Structures are given as C-alpha cells and as structure tokens.
Amino acid sequence: MQRNTSSYIIAARRTALGRIGGLHRNRRIEALAAPVIEAALSDCGIAPDRVEELILGNASQGGNPARLVALASGLSETATAYTIDRQCASGLDAVLNACRNVSDGEAEVVLAGGAESLSTAPWRIAKPKSLYHQPHFIGLEPSLTDATEEPHLFEASELLSQRLNIAREHQDAWALKSHLKAESGREKRKFVGEIVPLRSNAEEAKDQSAANGASPEDFSSEPPWLPPEGRLTAANTSIMHDGAAIAVVVSQYVWEELGRPPAIRLVASVSRGVAPDNEAGAPMEAMRKLYDRLEGFNPKDIGLVELSETSAAQAIAFSTSLGLEDDLINPEGGAVVRGHPLAAAGAVLVVRLFSRMVRQRGTGKVQYGVATLGAIGGIGVAALFESV
C-alpha cells in the first residue's frame, strides 16, 4: 500500500556552466551529468543501488537520455529513468515531479534535475517542403510562422523592455550589479560545495561566463541584438550554455533514517501559460498564481528568489511588477552572469536555493525560497521551498 509522506531534498550539485563550444565542448550529456550524480549521492551518503528513479530535463538530445545518464552514473539496472522536455522549465519540472512521486509514496529515493550538452547535441534539420527547396536548420525556439527564419530568442524580452520603457542603461546597470554579486560570491567561496569540478583545475570550478572585473564600459560597447534601436545585448542577456544539475529527493522515512540532515522541502508549485509574444512575462504570471495559491502565507516571508532570467530587462520587470527588492533576487548573480543551460536551467535554480538555504545556513537562515523561470513558448513555472 502506498503511503503519503513528505519529500526532502538532501543534496544538490551542479557543474560549472560552459559556453557552447567552450568549457564542456567535447562532453556528452552523460559525461556532464554522471559526476554530478556521484557527488550528490556521496554528499548525503546514499548508495547508487538505492536510487529507484532518475528524472532528467533535456531539450536537445532526443530519445530518453535519462536512461543513458542513469547507467553511466552507476545506478542499478532496475532503476527507472525518464526525460522531461518543457524546454527551459524541464529541470525544475523534473525536481517537482520527483518531490510529488516521493510524497505520494511511489519511491523512497529519486534523483532529479537537468542536463544539457548543446556543444555535442545532434543538429535538427527541417525536411524540405518539396524537392526544389533546401533543408534548413531548426533553432531551439519553435517558430510561430511559416517563415524559414526562426524568431530571435530575445524578441519577447525586447518587446517587454520597449513596452515598459526599460532603458538600456538601466539594463546594463542591473547586469553589471549581477556580475558584481557573483564576483563577491566567488571571493567569499559561496560556490564551493555546489559546483563539481569535472577535472582538477580552476576553470572547472567556476562558471565560464562569470568573468572577473566587469566594468560599465564592457556593457556600453556591446552592439544590440536587434539593431538599430534594440536595448538587449550579449552583455545584458543570458546566453545558452552547457551544464548539468542534480538534486537528491528522499522520503521522510529515509530522511529520518539519515538523522534528519538539513534539507529543503517543497511547499507549493504552479505553472502558467501566457501568449507567446509575452514569453518574457511568464515568470511574473507564475509568481502571481503562486501567491494566490498560498492562502494565509505572507509573501514577505520569502527571503530568496532564484530567477533564471533571459535578460536584465526581464529581471527588472519581474522585481518591479511584484514589488520585490533587487537584493532579494539572485543574491549571488543570475543567468545573465552564469549563462542559461536550457533544460538544466530550472535545476540550477534548485541547486542555488539549496546552497543558500542549507550550505550557507550559518550566514543567515533563509526559511522560504522560490525558484522561477519562463520557458520557450510562453510558460512560467514557480516553486516555493522551505528550509527544514
């Protein structure tokens, strides 16, 4: 008989994020994810053969790469595995599904997260309409028209910045502040214990795009993505990266068996669709839905919001529309700094929450934290976690 129980995230790790063709250029998805799984299981003292399932977010590989990753990680052949593709939201969805499965009594130990190796992923090519047409590459974002050119990933954020009149200078300033937050976090060793170096060198222990010494001049000199009047640039947007992030989710029985280690627990989660041309507004709508669902909960009790922003414009609109203090959002830098690993992005948010709410507990306890992001096509996801 199945039993309802609480679920607990007792370990969470990730790789450093690398530019496409950069840090992880020759690593396939299993080479990225397997060491992270091994490190997360080692952190909490759970043997690989005790894991019952792996749920993995991935949007570029095709097939069921979760099974490949499970076997490469040394999990038992009896462990099941499945892959989720809701684009950018996939990794967070994987973690939420794991929490629900464990809470429903379907499993005691589940691994969940996301992995994306865009550097080694297969190319997608559209079939020609006739023998007289040439095939063309298909981008990551689905086209809304019959045009051969895919819409730009940042068009929705550009429209948002124009609609809300968010000046480029404001966006550049926000992005620079995010870089400074990340630099401060590195100096204070806030990412130690979070990032799994895949080789023993300094480059593997930090996100490749999180450069030291960012200055205002670095931002002002960047050309816009959409000239001539565009406000978004390579410096104030989050660029696609490779990376993997994994969380260990266990039942209350296992949590108590392990001596009730510090953990985070899912309180509530929501998803919400918006019009595709309002894709950049999806996280805001998801947060409003989350607030509505939390009857009797004071949003001011939320001490941390990890947002995987597509752009500084989206982050500014998010904080302004919800009345949130800037320092509450991504206190150690966001996706504009570290990059956006597509289907792994939401799982990275969970790892970041775990670091702030568990690993850094001695520096000031955060009781409640939110992970939120928007997915390609206009879907927002938000999840509230509690420190226990």
Protein backbone atom coordinates (compact mmCIF):
# COMPACT_ATOMS: atom_id res chain seq x y z
CA MET A 1 0.00 0.00 0.00
CA GLN A 2 1.32 3.43 -0.93
CA ARG A 3 1.63 5.98 1.86
CA ASN A 4 1.63 9.75 1.67
CA THR A 5 4.75 11.30 3.14
CA SER A 6 6.84 14.43 2.93
CA SER A 7 9.74 14.63 0.47
CA TYR A 8 13.09 16.25 1.20
CA ILE A 9 15.93 17.49 -1.00
CA ILE A 10 19.00 16.47 0.99
CA ALA A 11 21.74 17.11 -1.59
CA ALA A 12 22.07 19.20 -4.74
CA ARG A 13 25.06 19.73 -7.03
CA ARG A 14 25.88 21.09 -10.47
CA THR A 15 28.69 21.53 -12.95
CA ALA A 16 30.19 24.87 -13.80
CA LEU A 17 28.30 26.24 -16.80
CA GLY A 18 30.29 26.50 -20.02
CA ARG A 19 29.79 28.40 -23.24
CA ILE A 20 28.74 26.36 -26.26
CA GLY A 21 31.99 25.13 -27.76
CA GLY A 22 33.82 26.16 -24.61
CA LEU A 23 34.44 24.51 -21.24
CA HIS A 24 32.43 21.34 -21.99
CA ARG A 25 32.87 21.33 -25.77
CA ASN A 26 33.72 17.60 -26.01
CA ARG A 27 31.50 16.30 -23.21
CA ARG A 28 28.35 14.39 -24.00
CA ILE A 29 25.36 14.62 -21.69
CA GLU A 30 26.34 11.55 -19.65
CA ALA A 31 29.87 12.92 -19.15
CA LEU A 32 28.35 16.08 -17.70
CA ALA A 33 25.68 14.51 -15.50
CA ALA A 34 27.32 11.33 -14.14
CA PRO A 35 29.98 13.06 -11.97
CA VAL A 36 27.33 15.38 -10.55
CA ILE A 37 25.13 12.43 -9.59
CA GLU A 38 28.08 10.68 -7.95
CA ALA A 39 28.96 13.81 -5.96
CA ALA A 40 25.37 14.43 -4.83
CA LEU A 41 24.94 10.84 -3.65
CA SER A 42 28.29 10.98 -1.85
CA ASP A 43 27.21 14.19 -0.08
CA CYS A 44 24.25 12.51 1.54
CA GLY A 45 25.68 9.03 1.98
CA ILE A 46 23.23 7.18 -0.27
CA ALA A 47 24.48 4.22 -2.30
CA PRO A 48 23.75 4.31 -6.05
CA ASP A 49 21.88 0.99 -5.88
CA ARG A 50 19.33 2.57 -3.55
CA VAL A 51 18.16 5.07 -6.16
CA GLU A 52 14.85 3.98 -7.66
CA GLU A 53 14.47 6.51 -10.46
CA LEU A 54 16.15 9.32 -12.35
CA ILE A 55 14.03 12.14 -13.80
CA LEU A 56 16.02 14.36 -16.14
CA GLY A 57 15.19 17.52 -18.05
CA ASN A 58 16.70 17.75 -21.53
CA ALA A 59 15.58 19.55 -24.68
CA SER A 60 18.27 18.85 -27.26
CA GLN A 61 19.35 15.21 -27.17
CA GLY A 62 16.26 13.32 -28.33
CA GLY A 63 15.16 9.87 -27.19
CA ASN A 64 15.39 9.15 -23.47
CA PRO A 65 18.83 10.36 -22.37
CA ALA A 66 17.85 9.95 -18.72
CA ARG A 67 18.33 6.20 -19.05
CA LEU A 68 21.75 6.66 -20.62
CA VAL A 69 22.77 9.00 -17.80
CA ALA A 70 21.43 6.61 -15.15
CA LEU A 71 23.51 3.71 -16.44
CA ALA A 72 26.61 5.86 -16.91
CA SER A 73 26.24 7.04 -13.30
CA GLY A 74 26.40 3.52 -11.89
CA LEU A 75 22.76 3.31 -10.87
CA SER A 76 21.20 -0.12 -10.73
CA GLU A 77 19.76 -1.54 -13.94
CA THR A 78 16.49 -1.87 -12.05
CA ALA A 79 16.31 1.91 -11.56
CA THR A 80 13.89 3.52 -13.97
CA ALA A 81 14.54 6.77 -15.81
CA TYR A 82 12.59 9.21 -17.93
CA THR A 83 13.24 12.52 -19.65
CA ILE A 84 11.15 15.70 -19.50
CA ASP A 85 11.15 18.32 -22.25
CA ARG A 86 9.33 21.51 -21.39
CA GLN A 87 12.27 23.48 -22.73
CA CYS A 88 13.77 25.84 -20.11
CA ALA A 89 11.38 24.61 -17.39
CA SER A 90 12.35 20.94 -17.79
CA GLY A 91 14.90 20.71 -14.98
CA LEU A 92 12.63 22.36 -12.43
CA ASP A 93 9.72 20.19 -13.60
CA ALA A 94 11.90 17.12 -13.06
CA VAL A 95 12.61 18.10 -9.45
CA LEU A 96 8.94 18.88 -8.81
CA ASN A 97 7.88 15.54 -10.27
CA ALA A 98 10.39 13.76 -8.05
CA CYS A 99 9.05 15.54 -4.97
CA ARG A 100 5.49 14.55 -5.87
CA ASN A 101 6.41 10.92 -6.60
CA VAL A 102 8.16 10.58 -3.26
CA SER A 103 5.38 12.38 -1.38
CA ASP A 104 2.83 10.04 -2.97
CA GLY A 105 4.77 7.04 -1.72
CA GLU A 106 5.80 5.80 -5.16
CA ALA A 107 9.51 5.84 -4.31
CA GLU A 108 11.88 6.43 -1.41
CA VAL A 109 14.92 7.83 -3.26
CA VAL A 110 14.74 9.71 -6.58
CA LEU A 111 17.35 11.72 -8.47
CA ALA A 112 16.09 14.68 -10.49
CA GLY A 113 17.47 17.62 -12.40
CA GLY A 114 18.56 18.64 -15.85
CA ALA A 115 21.49 18.23 -18.23
CA GLU A 116 22.22 19.97 -21.48
CA SER A 117 25.22 19.46 -23.77
CA LEU A 118 24.44 21.83 -26.61
CA SER A 119 28.05 21.54 -27.75
CA THR A 120 27.59 17.85 -28.62
CA ALA A 121 23.82 17.63 -29.19
CA PRO A 122 22.61 16.43 -32.60
CA TRP A 123 21.56 19.06 -35.12
CA ARG A 124 17.93 19.38 -36.12
CA ILE A 125 17.21 19.87 -39.82
CA ALA A 126 13.76 20.56 -41.26
CA LYS A 127 12.53 18.42 -44.13
CA PRO A 128 12.22 20.46 -47.36
CA LYS A 129 8.68 21.26 -48.48
CA SER A 130 9.48 19.92 -51.93
CA LEU A 131 12.36 18.59 -53.99
CA TYR A 132 13.09 22.16 -55.07
CA HIS A 133 13.65 23.52 -51.56
CA GLN A 134 16.78 23.26 -49.45
CA PRO A 135 16.69 21.81 -45.91
CA HIS A 136 17.43 24.28 -43.13
CA PHE A 137 18.49 24.06 -39.52
CA ILE A 138 15.80 24.32 -36.85
CA GLY A 139 16.58 26.52 -33.88
CA LEU A 140 15.79 25.89 -30.22
CA GLU A 141 12.73 28.13 -30.15
CA PRO A 142 9.63 26.94 -32.08
CA SER A 143 8.60 29.17 -34.95
CA LEU A 144 5.20 30.84 -34.81
CA THR A 145 5.10 31.44 -38.57
CA ASP A 146 5.86 29.65 -41.80
CA ALA A 147 8.95 31.78 -42.32
CA THR A 148 12.23 29.95 -42.70
CA GLU A 149 13.94 32.22 -40.15
CA GLU A 150 13.22 31.36 -36.52
CA PRO A 151 12.22 34.23 -34.20
CA HIS A 152 15.07 35.50 -32.08
CA LEU A 153 15.29 34.14 -28.55
CA PHE A 154 15.31 37.67 -27.12
CA GLU A 155 12.45 39.22 -29.10
CA ALA A 156 9.98 38.80 -26.23
CA SER A 157 12.35 40.49 -23.77
CA GLU A 158 12.98 43.27 -26.27
CA LEU A 159 9.25 43.83 -26.61
CA LEU A 160 8.95 43.85 -22.81
CA SER A 161 11.71 46.42 -22.43
CA GLN A 162 10.10 48.65 -25.07
CA ARG A 163 6.60 48.29 -23.57
CA LEU A 164 7.78 49.13 -20.06
CA ASN A 165 10.34 51.66 -21.29
CA ILE A 166 13.26 50.00 -19.54
CA ALA A 167 16.25 51.96 -20.77
CA ARG A 168 19.35 50.15 -21.95
CA GLU A 169 21.39 51.97 -19.30
CA HIS A 170 19.09 50.52 -16.62
CA GLN A 171 19.52 47.02 -18.07
CA ASP A 172 23.30 47.36 -18.30
CA ALA A 173 23.45 48.61 -14.70
CA TRP A 174 21.38 45.65 -13.49
CA ALA A 175 23.61 43.19 -15.39
CA LEU A 176 26.77 44.81 -14.02
CA LYS A 177 25.40 44.56 -10.48
CA SER A 178 24.65 40.88 -11.09
CA HIS A 179 28.27 40.31 -12.14
CA LEU A 180 29.49 42.09 -9.02
CA LYS A 181 27.23 39.89 -6.87
CA ALA A 182 28.69 36.78 -8.48
CA GLU A 183 32.23 38.06 -8.05
CA SER A 184 31.58 38.73 -4.38
CA GLY A 185 30.12 35.23 -4.03
CA ARG A 186 33.23 33.67 -5.53
CA GLU A 187 35.52 35.69 -3.26
CA LYS A 188 33.51 34.50 -0.25
CA ARG A 189 33.65 30.90 -1.56
CA LYS A 190 29.85 30.68 -1.82
CA PHE A 191 30.05 28.24 -4.75
CA VAL A 192 32.38 25.78 -3.02
CA GLY A 193 30.46 22.58 -2.40
CA GLU A 194 27.94 23.49 -5.09
CA ILE A 195 29.98 23.14 -8.29
CA VAL A 196 31.50 19.76 -9.12
CA PRO A 197 34.82 20.27 -10.98
CA LEU A 198 34.96 17.66 -13.73
CA ARG A 199 38.76 17.99 -13.82
CA SER A 200 41.23 19.27 -11.26
CA ASN A 201 41.76 22.81 -12.49
CA ALA A 202 40.46 26.25 -11.57
CA GLU A 203 38.42 26.68 -14.76
CA GLU A 204 36.20 23.73 -13.85
CA ALA A 205 35.23 25.28 -10.51
CA LYS A 206 33.58 28.46 -11.83
CA ASP A 207 31.03 29.38 -14.46
CA GLN A 208 32.85 30.23 -17.66
CA SER A 209 30.95 33.43 -18.45
CA ALA A 210 31.23 34.82 -14.92
CA ALA A 211 34.25 36.93 -15.78
CA ASN A 212 36.13 38.89 -13.15
CA GLY A 213 36.44 42.66 -13.35
CA ALA A 214 33.32 43.58 -15.35
CA SER A 215 33.08 47.35 -15.92
CA PRO A 216 30.41 49.74 -17.30
CA GLU A 217 32.49 50.13 -20.46
CA ASP A 218 32.16 46.40 -21.15
CA PHE A 219 28.39 46.81 -21.37
CA SER A 220 28.08 50.13 -23.19
CA SER A 221 30.31 48.97 -26.05
CA GLU A 222 28.15 45.94 -26.94
CA PRO A 223 26.01 46.23 -30.11
CA PRO A 224 22.26 45.47 -29.74
CA TRP A 225 20.86 42.10 -30.74
CA LEU A 226 18.12 43.80 -32.76
CA PRO A 227 19.57 46.95 -34.37
CA PRO A 228 19.21 49.82 -34.69
CA GLU A 229 17.07 50.67 -31.64
CA GLY A 230 17.34 47.44 -29.66
CA ARG A 231 18.19 47.58 -25.97
CA LEU A 232 19.25 43.98 -25.42
CA THR A 233 22.86 42.95 -25.98
CA ALA A 234 25.11 39.97 -25.38
CA ALA A 235 26.16 41.64 -22.10
CA ASN A 236 22.69 42.13 -20.56
CA THR A 237 21.10 38.84 -21.68
CA SER A 238 21.69 35.21 -20.72
CA ILE A 239 23.38 33.15 -23.42
CA MET A 240 22.88 29.40 -23.97
CA HIS A 241 25.41 27.25 -22.07
CA ASP A 242 26.23 23.61 -21.35
CA GLY A 243 25.77 22.20 -17.86
CA ALA A 244 24.08 19.75 -15.51
CA ALA A 245 22.39 20.00 -12.11
CA ILE A 246 21.02 17.21 -9.92
CA ALA A 247 19.07 17.01 -6.65
CA VAL A 248 18.57 14.01 -4.36
CA VAL A 249 14.95 13.68 -3.20
CA VAL A 250 14.09 11.27 -0.40
CA SER A 251 11.08 10.28 1.66
CA GLN A 252 10.54 11.20 5.28
CA TYR A 253 11.44 7.65 6.24
CA VAL A 254 14.87 7.91 4.56
CA TRP A 255 15.38 11.45 5.84
CA GLU A 256 14.80 10.28 9.43
CA GLU A 257 16.95 7.19 8.87
CA LEU A 258 19.82 9.50 7.85
CA GLY A 259 19.42 11.54 11.05
CA ARG A 260 17.27 14.36 9.67
CA PRO A 261 20.03 16.22 7.79
CA PRO A 262 19.44 19.88 6.80
CA ALA A 263 17.24 19.92 3.73
CA ILE A 264 14.69 21.88 1.74
CA ARG A 265 11.12 20.78 1.22
CA LEU A 266 8.61 21.70 -1.48
CA VAL A 267 5.71 23.78 -0.18
CA ALA A 268 3.83 24.57 -3.40
CA SER A 269 4.39 24.87 -7.15
CA VAL A 270 2.48 26.30 -10.10
CA SER A 271 2.78 26.73 -13.85
CA ARG A 272 1.03 29.22 -16.07
CA GLY A 273 0.88 29.85 -19.80
CA VAL A 274 0.95 33.27 -21.44
CA ALA A 275 0.70 34.49 -25.02
CA PRO A 276 3.88 33.52 -26.92
CA ASP A 277 4.67 37.18 -27.61
CA ASN A 278 4.55 37.78 -23.83
CA GLU A 279 7.02 34.98 -23.14
CA ALA A 280 9.19 37.30 -21.05
CA GLY A 281 6.27 37.95 -18.70
CA ALA A 282 5.67 34.28 -17.88
CA PRO A 283 7.62 34.19 -14.57
CA MET A 284 5.65 37.17 -13.25
CA GLU A 285 2.34 35.47 -14.02
CA ALA A 286 3.54 32.25 -12.41
CA MET A 287 4.53 34.13 -9.25
CA ARG A 288 1.10 35.81 -9.06
CA LYS A 289 -0.55 32.41 -9.36
CA LEU A 290 1.73 31.06 -6.63
CA TYR A 291 0.76 33.92 -4.31
CA ASP A 292 -2.93 33.21 -4.95
CA ARG A 293 -2.48 29.55 -4.11
CA LEU A 294 -0.72 30.25 -0.80
CA GLU A 295 -3.69 31.27 1.28
CA GLY A 296 -2.64 32.70 4.62
CA PHE A 297 1.01 32.88 3.57
CA ASN A 298 2.73 36.25 3.72
CA PRO A 299 4.87 36.76 0.57
CA LYS A 300 7.15 38.96 2.68
CA ASP A 301 8.33 35.76 4.40
CA ILE A 302 10.09 34.78 1.17
CA GLY A 303 13.74 35.54 1.80
CA LEU A 304 15.19 34.48 -1.54
CA VAL A 305 14.12 34.31 -5.19
CA GLU A 306 16.28 32.47 -7.70
CA LEU A 307 15.18 33.61 -11.16
CA SER A 308 16.70 32.24 -14.37
CA GLU A 309 16.25 35.46 -16.29
CA THR A 310 16.54 35.58 -20.06
CA SER A 311 17.63 39.21 -19.79
CA ALA A 312 18.21 42.04 -17.38
CA ALA A 313 15.02 43.60 -18.77
CA GLN A 314 13.01 40.57 -17.66
CA ALA A 315 14.57 40.64 -14.18
CA ILE A 316 13.86 44.38 -13.80
CA ALA A 317 10.24 43.91 -14.91
CA PHE A 318 9.92 40.92 -12.56
CA SER A 319 11.14 42.79 -9.47
CA THR A 320 9.18 45.96 -10.28
CA SER A 321 5.86 44.30 -11.08
CA LEU A 322 5.97 42.13 -7.93
CA GLY A 323 7.36 44.82 -5.63
CA LEU A 324 10.48 42.81 -4.77
CA GLU A 325 13.76 44.27 -3.61
CA ASP A 326 16.56 43.78 -6.13
CA ASP A 327 18.81 42.20 -3.49
CA LEU A 328 16.21 39.51 -2.85
CA ILE A 329 16.63 38.23 -6.42
CA ASN A 330 19.72 36.19 -7.34
CA PRO A 331 21.90 37.46 -4.47
CA GLU A 332 24.97 35.75 -5.96
CA GLY A 333 24.29 36.53 -9.59
CA GLY A 334 21.82 35.10 -12.09
CA ALA A 335 21.66 33.64 -15.56
CA VAL A 336 22.87 36.90 -17.14
CA VAL A 337 26.18 36.12 -15.42
CA ARG A 338 26.47 32.33 -15.46
CA GLY A 339 24.56 31.57 -18.69
CA HIS A 340 21.41 29.62 -19.49
CA PRO A 341 21.77 25.82 -19.85
CA LEU A 342 18.31 25.42 -21.44
CA ALA A 343 16.59 22.37 -19.87
CA ALA A 344 19.05 22.33 -16.95
CA ALA A 345 18.33 25.97 -16.02
CA GLY A 346 15.49 25.23 -13.58
CA ALA A 347 17.53 22.53 -11.85
CA VAL A 348 20.38 25.01 -11.41
CA LEU A 349 17.90 27.23 -9.54
CA VAL A 350 17.14 24.40 -7.10
CA VAL A 351 20.87 23.85 -6.52
CA ARG A 352 21.29 27.57 -5.88
CA LEU A 353 18.40 27.53 -3.38
CA PHE A 354 19.96 24.54 -1.64
CA SER A 355 23.28 26.36 -1.35
CA ARG A 356 21.71 29.47 0.16
CA MET A 357 19.22 27.67 2.40
CA VAL A 358 21.35 24.71 3.54
CA ARG A 359 25.06 25.10 2.77
CA GLN A 360 25.18 28.75 3.81
CA ARG A 361 22.76 28.38 6.69
CA GLY A 362 25.33 29.73 9.14
CA THR A 363 25.50 33.09 7.33
CA GLY A 364 21.84 33.92 7.93
CA LYS A 365 18.94 31.50 7.73
CA VAL A 366 16.50 31.75 4.81
CA GLN A 367 13.27 29.99 5.72
CA TYR A 368 11.47 30.25 2.38
CA GLY A 369 12.88 30.50 -1.14
CA VAL A 370 11.40 30.49 -4.64
CA ALA A 371 12.73 29.08 -7.90
CA THR A 372 11.08 30.53 -11.01
CA LEU A 373 11.65 30.94 -14.73
CA GLY A 374 9.89 31.15 -18.07
CA ALA A 375 10.02 28.52 -20.79
CA ILE A 376 10.17 28.94 -24.54
CA GLY A 377 6.67 29.19 -25.97
CA GLY A 378 5.29 31.21 -23.06
CA ILE A 379 5.11 29.04 -19.91
CA GLY A 380 6.06 30.19 -16.44
CA VAL A 381 6.89 27.89 -13.52
CA ALA A 382 7.35 28.86 -9.86
CA ALA A 383 8.03 26.72 -6.80
CA LEU A 384 8.24 27.63 -3.12
CA PHE A 385 10.64 25.67 -0.91
CA GLU A 386 11.06 25.65 2.88
CA SER A 387 14.25 25.09 4.85
CA VAL A 388 14.00 22.23 7.37
